[in-house]
């Protein structure tokens, strides 16, 4: 079994434009356009059973429409488990978070680099408190040496201030900031996902981080539509993992974290 914990999806009418914007942001070609149908096609090549799907609101006014799209996508595709979005400047966050949880969404995704706010900003504290009360995890785009929004040290600040909040720091705890992830997040009670990392991080370093942080705190993720599932899975298979560790990262840790009935 495989659970892809990191997959972006967009409505078909804007998928190509949204995917291109991400590619331009990272100056990288995109494997797909980001439609739900292409996600299922790509994931089927490696036998993905469940996809944690999400999309980030770059403006407060987008929060509700994006959440509605994710809710509708989860209803339409039984393979999908939804994470909603939230924005630091969205006013009615408590009501919206309660609404999306009631609709079946399991958590939220934040991308501070796109959304232009520091992940440990004090104005986020009330949102984190509600998420903690609702027991909704937050998947955070972590790191990027070009910006100062979501570095590993800032994520540690959030964890220390909100220890009950379940945090998944994407990209091995910090995209292109893996030394900082080692310093500030490895060993903390924070999850990492494997997405958009194994193409660049040397396999020896990835093995070291998994060993030091603990395999029970890792989740497999593709970062679709940036990457093709076959390519990501090939990189994942180069890691030095036991059968137990491999199964935990591929699905068991996600199943336990989200209390999924498989």
C-alpha atoms as a PDB file:
ATOM      1  CA  UNK A   1       0.000   0.000   0.000  1.00  0.00           C
ATOM      2  CA  UNK A   2       1.105   3.582  -0.703  1.00  0.00           C
ATOM      3  CA  UNK A   3      -0.249   6.874   0.628  1.00  0.00           C
ATOM      4  CA  UNK A   4       0.952   9.987  -1.186  1.00  0.00           C
ATOM      5  CA  UNK A   5       0.889  12.640   1.538  1.00  0.00           C
ATOM      6  CA  UNK A   6       1.768  15.617  -0.656  1.00  0.00           C
ATOM      7  CA  UNK A   7      -0.255  16.195  -3.827  1.00  0.00           C
ATOM      8  CA  UNK A   8      -1.495  19.538  -5.145  1.00  0.00           C
ATOM      9  CA  UNK A   9      -4.641  19.605  -7.274  1.00  0.00           C
ATOM     10  CA  UNK A  10      -6.412  22.414  -9.125  1.00  0.00           C
ATOM     11  CA  UNK A  11      -9.727  22.775 -10.972  1.00  0.00           C
ATOM     12  CA  UNK A  12      -9.349  21.752 -14.601  1.00  0.00           C
ATOM     13  CA  UNK A  13     -10.111  25.249 -15.888  1.00  0.00           C
ATOM     14  CA  UNK A  14      -7.109  26.777 -14.085  1.00  0.00           C
ATOM     15  CA  UNK A  15      -4.823  23.751 -13.661  1.00  0.00           C
ATOM     16  CA  UNK A  16      -2.447  24.625 -16.475  1.00  0.00           C
ATOM     17  CA  UNK A  17      -2.103  28.244 -15.340  1.00  0.00           C
ATOM     18  CA  UNK A  18      -1.633  27.281 -11.672  1.00  0.00           C
ATOM     19  CA  UNK A  19       0.941  24.637 -12.500  1.00  0.00           C
ATOM     20  CA  UNK A  20       2.877  27.047 -14.701  1.00  0.00           C
ATOM     21  CA  UNK A  21       2.949  29.613 -11.886  1.00  0.00           C
ATOM     22  CA  UNK A  22       4.552  27.060  -9.581  1.00  0.00           C
ATOM     23  CA  UNK A  23       7.068  26.095 -12.240  1.00  0.00           C
ATOM     24  CA  UNK A  24       7.968  29.756 -12.738  1.00  0.00           C
ATOM     25  CA  UNK A  25       8.314  30.237  -8.973  1.00  0.00           C
ATOM     26  CA  UNK A  26      10.857  27.408  -8.760  1.00  0.00           C
ATOM     27  CA  UNK A  27      12.296  27.904 -12.259  1.00  0.00           C
ATOM     28  CA  UNK A  28      11.625  24.251 -12.988  1.00  0.00           C
ATOM     29  CA  UNK A  29       9.537  22.303 -15.492  1.00  0.00           C
ATOM     30  CA  UNK A  30       6.378  20.666 -14.169  1.00  0.00           C
ATOM     31  CA  UNK A  31       5.666  17.006 -14.854  1.00  0.00           C
ATOM     32  CA  UNK A  32       1.892  17.576 -15.008  1.00  0.00           C
ATOM     33  CA  UNK A  33      -0.707  20.350 -15.079  1.00  0.00           C
ATOM     34  CA  UNK A  34      -2.208  19.505 -11.700  1.00  0.00           C
ATOM     35  CA  UNK A  35      -5.641  18.129 -12.513  1.00  0.00           C
ATOM     36  CA  UNK A  36      -7.149  15.418 -10.293  1.00  0.00           C
ATOM     37  CA  UNK A  37      -7.352  13.078 -13.268  1.00  0.00           C
ATOM     38  CA  UNK A  38      -3.653  13.416 -14.064  1.00  0.00           C
ATOM     39  CA  UNK A  39      -2.831  12.807 -10.404  1.00  0.00           C
ATOM     40  CA  UNK A  40      -4.675   9.498 -10.480  1.00  0.00           C
ATOM     41  CA  UNK A  41      -2.966   8.586 -13.745  1.00  0.00           C
ATOM     42  CA  UNK A  42       0.517   9.350 -12.414  1.00  0.00           C
ATOM     43  CA  UNK A  43      -0.018   7.658  -9.062  1.00  0.00           C
ATOM     44  CA  UNK A  44      -1.478   4.529 -10.613  1.00  0.00           C
ATOM     45  CA  UNK A  45       1.921   3.819 -12.171  1.00  0.00           C
ATOM     46  CA  UNK A  46       3.327   2.941  -8.739  1.00  0.00           C
ATOM     47  CA  UNK A  47       0.118   1.730  -7.107  1.00  0.00           C
ATOM     48  CA  UNK A  48      -0.805   4.696  -4.914  1.00  0.00           C
ATOM     49  CA  UNK A  49      -3.951   3.863  -2.958  1.00  0.00           C
ATOM     50  CA  UNK A  50      -4.653   7.167  -1.190  1.00  0.00           C
ATOM     51  CA  UNK A  51      -3.680  10.754  -1.989  1.00  0.00           C
ATOM     52  CA  UNK A  52      -3.621  13.604   0.530  1.00  0.00           C
ATOM     53  CA  UNK A  53      -4.730  16.450  -1.733  1.00  0.00           C
ATOM     54  CA  UNK A  54      -4.544  20.179  -1.135  1.00  0.00           C
ATOM     55  CA  UNK A  55      -4.009  23.625  -2.617  1.00  0.00           C
ATOM     56  CA  UNK A  56      -2.821  26.858  -0.998  1.00  0.00           C
ATOM     57  CA  UNK A  57      -4.722  30.156  -1.026  1.00  0.00           C
ATOM     58  CA  UNK A  58      -2.409  32.990  -2.086  1.00  0.00           C
ATOM     59  CA  UNK A  59      -5.094  35.519  -1.060  1.00  0.00           C
ATOM     60  CA  UNK A  60      -7.614  35.479   1.827  1.00  0.00           C
ATOM     61  CA  UNK A  61     -10.520  35.717  -0.624  1.00  0.00           C
ATOM     62  CA  UNK A  62      -9.525  32.354  -2.115  1.00  0.00           C
ATOM     63  CA  UNK A  63      -9.815  30.349   1.096  1.00  0.00           C
ATOM     64  CA  UNK A  64     -13.449  29.300   0.885  1.00  0.00           C
ATOM     65  CA  UNK A  65     -13.497  28.536  -2.847  1.00  0.00           C
ATOM     66  CA  UNK A  66     -10.365  26.389  -2.595  1.00  0.00           C
ATOM     67  CA  UNK A  67     -11.741  24.550   0.423  1.00  0.00           C
ATOM     68  CA  UNK A  68     -14.974  23.923  -1.460  1.00  0.00           C
ATOM     69  CA  UNK A  69     -13.002  22.531  -4.400  1.00  0.00           C
ATOM     70  CA  UNK A  70     -11.079  20.155  -2.131  1.00  0.00           C
ATOM     71  CA  UNK A  71     -14.298  19.029  -0.433  1.00  0.00           C
ATOM     72  CA  UNK A  72     -15.930  18.383  -3.826  1.00  0.00           C
ATOM     73  CA  UNK A  73     -12.840  16.519  -5.074  1.00  0.00           C
ATOM     74  CA  UNK A  74     -12.833  14.224  -2.051  1.00  0.00           C
ATOM     75  CA  UNK A  75     -16.494  13.400  -2.646  1.00  0.00           C
ATOM     76  CA  UNK A  76     -15.864  12.735  -6.331  1.00  0.00           C
ATOM     77  CA  UNK A  77     -12.714  10.636  -5.874  1.00  0.00           C
ATOM     78  CA  UNK A  78     -12.756   8.054  -3.093  1.00  0.00           C
ATOM     79  CA  UNK A  79      -8.957   7.801  -3.314  1.00  0.00           C
ATOM     80  CA  UNK A  80      -8.590  11.377  -2.054  1.00  0.00           C
ATOM     81  CA  UNK A  81      -8.235  12.576   1.533  1.00  0.00           C
ATOM     82  CA  UNK A  82      -8.484  16.343   1.722  1.00  0.00           C
ATOM     83  CA  UNK A  83      -6.462  19.030   3.462  1.00  0.00           C
ATOM     84  CA  UNK A  84      -7.969  22.504   3.301  1.00  0.00           C
ATOM     85  CA  UNK A  85      -6.243  25.844   3.109  1.00  0.00           C
ATOM     86  CA  UNK A  86      -6.031  28.872   5.366  1.00  0.00           C
ATOM     87  CA  UNK A  87      -4.468  32.315   5.051  1.00  0.00           C
ATOM     88  CA  UNK A  88      -2.915  34.475   7.750  1.00  0.00           C
ATOM     89  CA  UNK A  89      -5.198  37.393   6.824  1.00  0.00           C
ATOM     90  CA  UNK A  90      -8.461  35.447   6.632  1.00  0.00           C
ATOM     91  CA  UNK A  91     -10.800  36.776   9.328  1.00  0.00           C
ATOM     92  CA  UNK A  92     -13.333  34.025  10.036  1.00  0.00           C
ATOM     93  CA  UNK A  93     -10.754  31.291  10.459  1.00  0.00           C
ATOM     94  CA  UNK A  94     -12.361  29.510  13.406  1.00  0.00           C
ATOM     95  CA  UNK A  95     -15.704  29.113  11.652  1.00  0.00           C
ATOM     96  CA  UNK A  96     -14.061  28.041   8.401  1.00  0.00           C
ATOM     97  CA  UNK A  97     -11.839  25.466  10.088  1.00  0.00           C
ATOM     98  CA  UNK A  98     -14.823  24.001  11.908  1.00  0.00           C
ATOM     99  CA  UNK A  99     -16.757  23.948   8.626  1.00  0.00           C
ATOM    100  CA  UNK A 100     -14.134  22.069   6.660  1.00  0.00           C
ATOM    101  CA  UNK A 101     -13.588  19.565   9.447  1.00  0.00           C
ATOM    102  CA  UNK A 102     -17.317  18.878   9.552  1.00  0.00           C
ATOM    103  CA  UNK A 103     -17.159  18.374   5.779  1.00  0.00           C
ATOM    104  CA  UNK A 104     -14.523  15.665   6.224  1.00  0.00           C
ATOM    105  CA  UNK A 105     -11.227  17.439   5.614  1.00  0.00           C
ATOM    106  CA  UNK A 106      -8.437  16.152   7.836  1.00  0.00           C
ATOM    107  CA  UNK A 107      -6.058  19.122   8.131  1.00  0.00           C
ATOM    108  CA  UNK A 108      -4.758  22.178   6.312  1.00  0.00           C
ATOM    109  CA  UNK A 109      -1.845  23.016   4.031  1.00  0.00           C
ATOM    110  CA  UNK A 110       0.146  26.237   4.371  1.00  0.00           C
ATOM    111  CA  UNK A 111       2.702  27.549   1.884  1.00  0.00           C
ATOM    112  CA  UNK A 112       4.186  30.650   3.542  1.00  0.00           C
ATOM    113  CA  UNK A 113       6.468  31.394   0.573  1.00  0.00           C
ATOM    114  CA  UNK A 114       3.459  31.724  -1.747  1.00  0.00           C
ATOM    115  CA  UNK A 115       1.225  33.278   0.887  1.00  0.00           C
ATOM    116  CA  UNK A 116       3.850  35.800   2.035  1.00  0.00           C
ATOM    117  CA  UNK A 117       3.761  35.379   5.797  1.00  0.00           C
ATOM    118  CA  UNK A 118       6.234  34.061   8.326  1.00  0.00           C
ATOM    119  CA  UNK A 119       5.104  30.713   9.676  1.00  0.00           C
ATOM    120  CA  UNK A 120       5.832  31.791  13.267  1.00  0.00           C
ATOM    121  CA  UNK A 121       4.086  35.157  12.953  1.00  0.00           C
ATOM    122  CA  UNK A 122       2.095  36.009  16.116  1.00  0.00           C
ATOM    123  CA  UNK A 123      -1.010  36.571  13.991  1.00  0.00           C
ATOM    124  CA  UNK A 124      -1.000  32.828  13.269  1.00  0.00           C
ATOM    125  CA  UNK A 125      -1.196  31.835  16.949  1.00  0.00           C
ATOM    126  CA  UNK A 126      -4.983  31.947  17.160  1.00  0.00           C
ATOM    127  CA  UNK A 127      -5.249  29.805  14.021  1.00  0.00           C
ATOM    128  CA  UNK A 128      -2.833  27.253  15.460  1.00  0.00           C
ATOM    129  CA  UNK A 129      -4.819  27.167  18.685  1.00  0.00           C
ATOM    130  CA  UNK A 130      -8.005  26.324  16.799  1.00  0.00           C
ATOM    131  CA  UNK A 131      -6.215  23.663  14.761  1.00  0.00           C
ATOM    132  CA  UNK A 132      -4.887  22.127  17.973  1.00  0.00           C
ATOM    133  CA  UNK A 133      -8.354  22.123  19.541  1.00  0.00           C
ATOM    134  CA  UNK A 134      -9.833  20.516  16.415  1.00  0.00           C
ATOM    135  CA  UNK A 135      -6.955  18.017  16.250  1.00  0.00           C
ATOM    136  CA  UNK A 136      -6.291  18.990  12.646  1.00  0.00           C
ATOM    137  CA  UNK A 137      -2.663  18.599  11.490  1.00  0.00           C
ATOM    138  CA  UNK A 138      -0.964  21.280   9.424  1.00  0.00           C
ATOM    139  CA  UNK A 139       1.213  20.401   6.428  1.00  0.00           C
ATOM    140  CA  UNK A 140       3.727  23.215   5.959  1.00  0.00           C
ATOM    141  CA  UNK A 141       5.926  23.928   2.996  1.00  0.00           C
ATOM    142  CA  UNK A 142       9.255  24.089   4.817  1.00  0.00           C
ATOM    143  CA  UNK A 143      12.385  25.934   3.833  1.00  0.00           C
ATOM    144  CA  UNK A 144      13.933  27.561   0.754  1.00  0.00           C
ATOM    145  CA  UNK A 145      17.198  29.456   1.068  1.00  0.00           C
ATOM    146  CA  UNK A 146      15.760  32.270  -1.091  1.00  0.00           C
ATOM    147  CA  UNK A 147      13.157  33.331   1.469  1.00  0.00           C
ATOM    148  CA  UNK A 148      12.629  33.805   5.192  1.00  0.00           C
ATOM    149  CA  UNK A 149       9.065  32.608   5.628  1.00  0.00           C
ATOM    150  CA  UNK A 150       9.195  28.918   6.522  1.00  0.00           C
ATOM    151  CA  UNK A 151      12.718  27.976   7.536  1.00  0.00           C
ATOM    152  CA  UNK A 152      13.276  25.119   9.999  1.00  0.00           C
ATOM    153  CA  UNK A 153      14.039  27.502  12.883  1.00  0.00           C
ATOM    154  CA  UNK A 154      10.705  29.286  12.398  1.00  0.00           C
ATOM    155  CA  UNK A 155       8.887  25.948  12.323  1.00  0.00           C
ATOM    156  CA  UNK A 156      10.614  25.015  15.575  1.00  0.00           C
ATOM    157  CA  UNK A 157       9.312  28.265  17.062  1.00  0.00           C
ATOM    158  CA  UNK A 158       5.766  27.214  16.150  1.00  0.00           C
ATOM    159  CA  UNK A 159       6.285  23.751  17.608  1.00  0.00           C
ATOM    160  CA  UNK A 160       7.613  25.110  20.889  1.00  0.00           C
ATOM    161  CA  UNK A 161       4.757  27.583  21.227  1.00  0.00           C
ATOM    162  CA  UNK A 162       2.080  25.083  20.163  1.00  0.00           C
ATOM    163  CA  UNK A 163       3.374  21.657  21.249  1.00  0.00           C
ATOM    164  CA  UNK A 164      -0.032  19.995  20.780  1.00  0.00           C
ATOM    165  CA  UNK A 165      -0.227  21.063  17.118  1.00  0.00           C
ATOM    166  CA  UNK A 166       0.610  18.231  14.731  1.00  0.00           C
ATOM    167  CA  UNK A 167       3.061  19.646  12.182  1.00  0.00           C
ATOM    168  CA  UNK A 168       4.251  18.009   8.983  1.00  0.00           C
ATOM    169  CA  UNK A 169       7.299  19.915   7.721  1.00  0.00           C
ATOM    170  CA  UNK A 170       7.476  19.108   4.021  1.00  0.00           C
ATOM    171  CA  UNK A 171      10.637  18.377   2.039  1.00  0.00           C
ATOM    172  CA  UNK A 172      12.630  16.638   4.812  1.00  0.00           C
ATOM    173  CA  UNK A 173      11.974  19.594   7.098  1.00  0.00           C
ATOM    174  CA  UNK A 174      13.320  22.321   4.826  1.00  0.00           C
ATOM    175  CA  UNK A 175      13.624  22.520   1.058  1.00  0.00           C
ATOM    176  CA  UNK A 176      17.286  23.385   0.246  1.00  0.00           C
ATOM    177  CA  UNK A 177      17.804  24.049   3.987  1.00  0.00           C
ATOM    178  CA  UNK A 178      18.521  20.524   5.119  1.00  0.00           C
ATOM    179  CA  UNK A 179      21.450  21.470   7.351  1.00  0.00           C
ATOM    180  CA  UNK A 180      19.121  23.812   9.230  1.00  0.00           C
ATOM    181  CA  UNK A 181      16.543  21.041   9.400  1.00  0.00           C
ATOM    182  CA  UNK A 182      19.191  18.830  10.987  1.00  0.00           C
ATOM    183  CA  UNK A 183      20.025  21.536  13.512  1.00  0.00           C
ATOM    184  CA  UNK A 184      16.549  22.689  14.476  1.00  0.00           C
ATOM    185  CA  UNK A 185      13.985  19.990  13.668  1.00  0.00           C
ATOM    186  CA  UNK A 186      15.600  16.560  13.646  1.00  0.00           C
ATOM    187  CA  UNK A 187      14.662  14.865  16.903  1.00  0.00           C
ATOM    188  CA  UNK A 188      11.677  17.131  17.543  1.00  0.00           C
ATOM    189  CA  UNK A 189       8.097  15.821  17.640  1.00  0.00           C
ATOM    190  CA  UNK A 190       7.459  17.013  14.094  1.00  0.00           C
ATOM    191  CA  UNK A 191       6.771  14.937  10.990  1.00  0.00           C
ATOM    192  CA  UNK A 192       8.705  15.283   7.724  1.00  0.00           C
ATOM    193  CA  UNK A 193       7.584  14.288   4.254  1.00  0.00           C
ATOM    194  CA  UNK A 194       9.892  13.082   1.508  1.00  0.00           C
ATOM    195  CA  UNK A 195       8.620  15.277  -1.327  1.00  0.00           C
ATOM    196  CA  UNK A 196      10.830  17.478  -3.556  1.00  0.00           C
ATOM    197  CA  UNK A 197      13.973  16.387  -1.754  1.00  0.00           C
ATOM    198  CA  UNK A 198      15.398  13.108  -3.006  1.00  0.00           C
ATOM    199  CA  UNK A 199      16.242  14.571  -6.423  1.00  0.00           C
ATOM    200  CA  UNK A 200      18.796  16.858  -4.749  1.00  0.00           C
ATOM    201  CA  UNK A 201      19.674  15.628  -1.248  1.00  0.00           C
ATOM    202  CA  UNK A 202      22.428  12.980  -1.387  1.00  0.00           C
ATOM    203  CA  UNK A 203      21.056   9.566  -0.480  1.00  0.00           C
ATOM    204  CA  UNK A 204      23.617   9.204   2.319  1.00  0.00           C
ATOM    205  CA  UNK A 205      22.376  12.434   3.918  1.00  0.00           C
ATOM    206  CA  UNK A 206      18.753  11.375   3.525  1.00  0.00           C
ATOM    207  CA  UNK A 207      19.519   8.056   5.227  1.00  0.00           C
ATOM    208  CA  UNK A 208      21.252   9.915   8.063  1.00  0.00           C
ATOM    209  CA  UNK A 209      18.283  12.225   8.599  1.00  0.00           C
ATOM    210  CA  UNK A 210      15.829   9.325   8.661  1.00  0.00           C
ATOM    211  CA  UNK A 211      17.991   7.453  11.160  1.00  0.00           C
ATOM    212  CA  UNK A 212      18.420  10.462  13.470  1.00  0.00           C
ATOM    213  CA  UNK A 213      14.856  11.769  13.248  1.00  0.00           C
ATOM    214  CA  UNK A 214      13.243   8.337  13.307  1.00  0.00           C
ATOM    215  CA  UNK A 215      11.429   6.598  10.474  1.00  0.00           C
ATOM    216  CA  UNK A 216       8.115   6.793  12.331  1.00  0.00           C
ATOM    217  CA  UNK A 217       8.113  10.558  11.711  1.00  0.00           C
ATOM    218  CA  UNK A 218       8.450  10.352   7.915  1.00  0.00           C
ATOM    219  CA  UNK A 219       5.703  10.342   5.271  1.00  0.00           C
ATOM    220  CA  UNK A 220       6.029   9.573   1.569  1.00  0.00           C
ATOM    221  CA  UNK A 221       5.020  12.446  -0.711  1.00  0.00           C
ATOM    222  CA  UNK A 222       5.314  13.108  -4.429  1.00  0.00           C
ATOM    223  CA  UNK A 223       4.744  16.883  -4.648  1.00  0.00           C
ATOM    224  CA  UNK A 224       2.617  16.293  -7.742  1.00  0.00           C
ATOM    225  CA  UNK A 225       2.391  18.037 -10.231  1.00  0.00           C
ATOM    226  CA  UNK A 226       6.038  19.006  -9.822  1.00  0.00           C
ATOM    227  CA  UNK A 227       7.215  15.417 -10.072  1.00  0.00           C
ATOM    228  CA  UNK A 228       6.147  12.170 -11.689  1.00  0.00           C
ATOM    229  CA  UNK A 229       5.327   9.380  -9.237  1.00  0.00           C
ATOM    230  CA  UNK A 230       7.559   6.846 -10.960  1.00  0.00           C
ATOM    231  CA  UNK A 231      10.556   9.165 -10.643  1.00  0.00           C
ATOM    232  CA  UNK A 232       9.901   9.924  -6.978  1.00  0.00           C
ATOM    233  CA  UNK A 233       9.338   6.263  -6.165  1.00  0.00           C
ATOM    234  CA  UNK A 234      12.577   5.285  -7.892  1.00  0.00           C
ATOM    235  CA  UNK A 235      14.444   7.799  -5.728  1.00  0.00           C
ATOM    236  CA  UNK A 236      12.660   6.562  -2.602  1.00  0.00           C
ATOM    237  CA  UNK A 237      13.695   2.993  -3.379  1.00  0.00           C
ATOM    238  CA  UNK A 238      17.357   4.030  -3.272  1.00  0.00           C
ATOM    239  CA  UNK A 239      17.084   4.706   0.461  1.00  0.00           C
ATOM    240  CA  UNK A 240      18.557   2.176   2.872  1.00  0.00           C
ATOM    241  CA  UNK A 241      15.357   1.048   4.579  1.00  0.00           C
ATOM    242  CA  UNK A 242      14.202  -2.173   6.173  1.00  0.00           C
ATOM    243  CA  UNK A 243      10.848  -3.600   5.120  1.00  0.00           C
ATOM    244  CA  UNK A 244       9.333  -2.265   8.351  1.00  0.00           C
ATOM    245  CA  UNK A 245      10.741   1.223   7.804  1.00  0.00           C
ATOM    246  CA  UNK A 246       9.657   1.256   4.182  1.00  0.00           C
ATOM    247  CA  UNK A 247       6.047   0.304   4.979  1.00  0.00           C
ATOM    248  CA  UNK A 248       5.907   2.848   7.785  1.00  0.00           C
ATOM    249  CA  UNK A 249       6.988   5.711   5.536  1.00  0.00           C
ATOM    250  CA  UNK A 250       4.892   4.605   2.568  1.00  0.00           C
ATOM    251  CA  UNK A 251       1.614   4.316   4.469  1.00  0.00           C
ATOM    252  CA  UNK A 252       1.541   3.209   8.096  1.00  0.00           C
ATOM    253  CA  UNK A 253       2.704   6.512   9.596  1.00  0.00           C
ATOM    254  CA  UNK A 254       0.117   8.427   7.552  1.00  0.00           C
ATOM    255  CA  UNK A 255      -2.590   5.952   8.492  1.00  0.00           C
ATOM    256  CA  UNK A 256      -1.839   6.421  12.185  1.00  0.00           C
ATOM    257  CA  UNK A 257      -1.463  10.199  12.002  1.00  0.00           C
ATOM    258  CA  UNK A 258      -4.796  10.733  10.228  1.00  0.00           C
ATOM    259  CA  UNK A 259      -6.564   7.747  11.817  1.00  0.00           C
ATOM    260  CA  UNK A 260      -7.462   6.389   8.405  1.00  0.00           C
ATOM    261  CA  UNK A 261      -9.466   3.192   8.080  1.00  0.00           C
ATOM    262  CA  UNK A 262      -7.775   1.241   5.306  1.00  0.00           C
END
